[in-house]
Amino acid sequence: MQMHSAKRVEIVIERPLESRLTDALNEAGVTGYTIVPVRGGSGRSGPWTREGQVGRAGMVMIVCLIRPDRLDSLLEAAFAVVERHIGVVSVTDAQVLRAERF
């Protein structure tokens, strides 16, 4: 089976910013992503969990697989939202089947 190069982008951001980020990704031409709730973790301020938080508080992770030539537009859109808020953006190399889906 033939594999194709792609980029996997993971963006962890505060949940109230989720729709702002997905709107920015859609405007940048990103056609697919997965949103996963984040239950907890540890960062510069130490460990944290969603337990006991009220409403929409907490974090989400948005995962995108895209063609390498589309990475810059995705990162520009993501950075415009993430730069002034809590958030982490990571990019890794990936291999995918069915490259036409990305």
C-alpha atoms as a PDB file:
ATOM      1  CA  MET A   1       0.000   0.000   0.000  1.00  0.00           C
ATOM      2  CA  GLN A   2       1.303   3.430  -0.892  1.00  0.00           C
ATOM      3  CA  MET A   3       1.704   5.966   1.907  1.00  0.00           C
ATOM      4  CA  HIS A   4       1.737   9.741   1.422  1.00  0.00           C
ATOM      5  CA  SER A   5       3.488  12.457   3.422  1.00  0.00           C
ATOM      6  CA  ALA A   6       1.309  14.691   5.582  1.00  0.00           C
ATOM      7  CA  LYS A   7       1.624  16.969   8.593  1.00  0.00           C
ATOM      8  CA  ARG A   8      -0.175  16.309  11.859  1.00  0.00           C
ATOM      9  CA  VAL A   9      -0.998  19.499  13.731  1.00  0.00           C
ATOM     10  CA  GLU A  10      -2.210  19.374  17.323  1.00  0.00           C
ATOM     11  CA  ILE A  11      -3.555  22.525  18.927  1.00  0.00           C
ATOM     12  CA  VAL A  12      -4.423  22.560  22.630  1.00  0.00           C
ATOM     13  CA  ILE A  13      -6.461  25.639  23.508  1.00  0.00           C
ATOM     14  CA  GLU A  14      -8.928  26.912  26.085  1.00  0.00           C
ATOM     15  CA  ARG A  15     -12.382  25.524  25.340  1.00  0.00           C
ATOM     16  CA  PRO A  16     -14.130  28.924  25.079  1.00  0.00           C
ATOM     17  CA  LEU A  17     -11.865  29.682  22.076  1.00  0.00           C
ATOM     18  CA  GLU A  18     -12.778  26.471  20.236  1.00  0.00           C
ATOM     19  CA  SER A  19     -15.260  28.020  17.790  1.00  0.00           C
ATOM     20  CA  ARG A  20     -12.985  30.978  17.125  1.00  0.00           C
ATOM     21  CA  LEU A  21     -10.167  28.599  16.222  1.00  0.00           C
ATOM     22  CA  THR A  22     -12.318  26.307  14.072  1.00  0.00           C
ATOM     23  CA  ASP A  23     -13.739  29.349  12.249  1.00  0.00           C
ATOM     24  CA  ALA A  24     -10.175  30.530  11.536  1.00  0.00           C
ATOM     25  CA  LEU A  25      -9.173  27.062  10.307  1.00  0.00           C
ATOM     26  CA  ASN A  26     -12.231  26.876   8.041  1.00  0.00           C
ATOM     27  CA  GLU A  27     -11.425  30.320   6.591  1.00  0.00           C
ATOM     28  CA  ALA A  28      -7.852  29.121   5.947  1.00  0.00           C
ATOM     29  CA  GLY A  29      -9.209  26.227   3.884  1.00  0.00           C
ATOM     30  CA  VAL A  30      -8.675  23.439   6.416  1.00  0.00           C
ATOM     31  CA  THR A  31     -11.264  20.832   5.436  1.00  0.00           C
ATOM     32  CA  GLY A  32     -11.010  18.434   8.334  1.00  0.00           C
ATOM     33  CA  TYR A  33     -10.105  18.249  11.980  1.00  0.00           C
ATOM     34  CA  THR A  34     -11.007  16.333  15.122  1.00  0.00           C
ATOM     35  CA  ILE A  35     -11.830  17.967  18.452  1.00  0.00           C
ATOM     36  CA  VAL A  36     -10.981  16.050  21.620  1.00  0.00           C
ATOM     37  CA  PRO A  37     -11.736  17.183  25.188  1.00  0.00           C
ATOM     38  CA  VAL A  38      -8.649  17.477  27.384  1.00  0.00           C
ATOM     39  CA  ARG A  39      -9.194  16.111  30.893  1.00  0.00           C
ATOM     40  CA  GLY A  40      -6.027  17.463  32.451  1.00  0.00           C
ATOM     41  CA  GLY A  41      -2.302  17.803  32.180  1.00  0.00           C
ATOM     42  CA  SER A  42       0.679  19.658  33.477  1.00  0.00           C
ATOM     43  CA  GLY A  43       2.269  22.861  32.235  1.00  0.00           C
ATOM     44  CA  ARG A  44       4.338  25.830  33.375  1.00  0.00           C
ATOM     45  CA  SER A  45       1.973  26.361  36.318  1.00  0.00           C
ATOM     46  CA  GLY A  46       1.995  22.703  37.314  1.00  0.00           C
ATOM     47  CA  PRO A  47      -0.689  19.986  37.155  1.00  0.00           C
ATOM     48  CA  TRP A  48      -4.331  20.807  36.422  1.00  0.00           C
ATOM     49  CA  THR A  49      -7.600  18.930  35.788  1.00  0.00           C
ATOM     50  CA  ARG A  50     -11.081  19.787  34.535  1.00  0.00           C
ATOM     51  CA  GLU A  51     -12.562  18.365  37.712  1.00  0.00           C
ATOM     52  CA  GLY A  52     -14.587  20.965  39.550  1.00  0.00           C
ATOM     53  CA  GLN A  53     -14.590  23.499  36.724  1.00  0.00           C
ATOM     54  CA  VAL A  54     -17.929  25.084  35.831  1.00  0.00           C
ATOM     55  CA  GLY A  55     -19.428  25.701  32.386  1.00  0.00           C
ATOM     56  CA  ARG A  56     -17.252  25.670  29.296  1.00  0.00           C
ATOM     57  CA  ALA A  57     -13.984  25.964  31.214  1.00  0.00           C
ATOM     58  CA  GLY A  58     -11.197  23.573  30.371  1.00  0.00           C
ATOM     59  CA  MET A  59      -9.159  22.760  27.302  1.00  0.00           C
ATOM     60  CA  VAL A  60      -9.684  21.006  23.974  1.00  0.00           C
ATOM     61  CA  MET A  61      -7.242  19.538  21.469  1.00  0.00           C
ATOM     62  CA  ILE A  62      -7.860  20.037  17.766  1.00  0.00           C
ATOM     63  CA  VAL A  63      -6.026  17.563  15.543  1.00  0.00           C
ATOM     64  CA  CYS A  64      -5.551  18.152  11.803  1.00  0.00           C
ATOM     65  CA  LEU A  65      -3.871  16.051   9.126  1.00  0.00           C
ATOM     66  CA  ILE A  66      -2.986  18.119   6.076  1.00  0.00           C
ATOM     67  CA  ARG A  67      -0.761  18.163   3.027  1.00  0.00           C
ATOM     68  CA  PRO A  68       2.636  19.745   3.740  1.00  0.00           C
ATOM     69  CA  ASP A  69       2.034  22.560   1.221  1.00  0.00           C
ATOM     70  CA  ARG A  70      -0.997  23.736   3.257  1.00  0.00           C
ATOM     71  CA  LEU A  71       0.831  23.889   6.608  1.00  0.00           C
ATOM     72  CA  ASP A  72       1.753  27.594   6.557  1.00  0.00           C
ATOM     73  CA  SER A  73      -1.828  28.814   6.059  1.00  0.00           C
ATOM     74  CA  LEU A  74      -3.039  26.556   8.889  1.00  0.00           C
ATOM     75  CA  LEU A  75      -0.318  27.780  11.255  1.00  0.00           C
ATOM     76  CA  GLU A  76      -1.004  31.434  10.455  1.00  0.00           C
ATOM     77  CA  ALA A  77      -4.713  30.939  11.200  1.00  0.00           C
ATOM     78  CA  ALA A  78      -4.003  29.048  14.417  1.00  0.00           C
ATOM     79  CA  PHE A  79      -1.398  31.511  15.647  1.00  0.00           C
ATOM     80  CA  ALA A  80      -3.774  34.445  15.157  1.00  0.00           C
ATOM     81  CA  VAL A  81      -6.057  32.833  17.770  1.00  0.00           C
ATOM     82  CA  VAL A  82      -3.501  31.198  20.073  1.00  0.00           C
ATOM     83  CA  GLU A  83      -0.901  33.963  20.361  1.00  0.00           C
ATOM     84  CA  ARG A  84      -2.623  35.889  23.194  1.00  0.00           C
ATOM     85  CA  HIS A  85      -4.126  32.918  25.031  1.00  0.00           C
ATOM     86  CA  ILE A  86      -3.126  29.709  26.746  1.00  0.00           C
ATOM     87  CA  GLY A  87      -2.379  27.171  24.047  1.00  0.00           C
ATOM     88  CA  VAL A  88       0.150  24.870  22.464  1.00  0.00           C
ATOM     89  CA  VAL A  89       0.643  24.147  18.758  1.00  0.00           C
ATOM     90  CA  SER A  90       2.744  21.182  17.653  1.00  0.00           C
ATOM     91  CA  VAL A  91       3.562  19.839  14.197  1.00  0.00           C
ATOM     92  CA  THR A  92       4.826  16.356  13.394  1.00  0.00           C
ATOM     93  CA  ASP A  93       5.448  14.403  10.214  1.00  0.00           C
ATOM     94  CA  ALA A  94       2.856  11.748   9.378  1.00  0.00           C
ATOM     95  CA  GLN A  95       2.139   9.159   6.722  1.00  0.00           C
ATOM     96  CA  VAL A  96      -1.421   8.663   5.471  1.00  0.00           C
ATOM     97  CA  LEU A  97      -3.378   6.445   3.149  1.00  0.00           C
ATOM     98  CA  ARG A  98      -5.839   8.072   0.719  1.00  0.00           C
ATOM     99  CA  ALA A  99      -3.973  11.365   0.255  1.00  0.00           C
ATOM    100  CA  GLU A 100      -6.934  12.794  -1.672  1.00  0.00           C
ATOM    101  CA  ARG A 101      -8.768  13.235   1.659  1.00  0.00           C
ATOM    102  CA  PHE A 102      -6.221  15.789   2.881  1.00  0.00           C
END
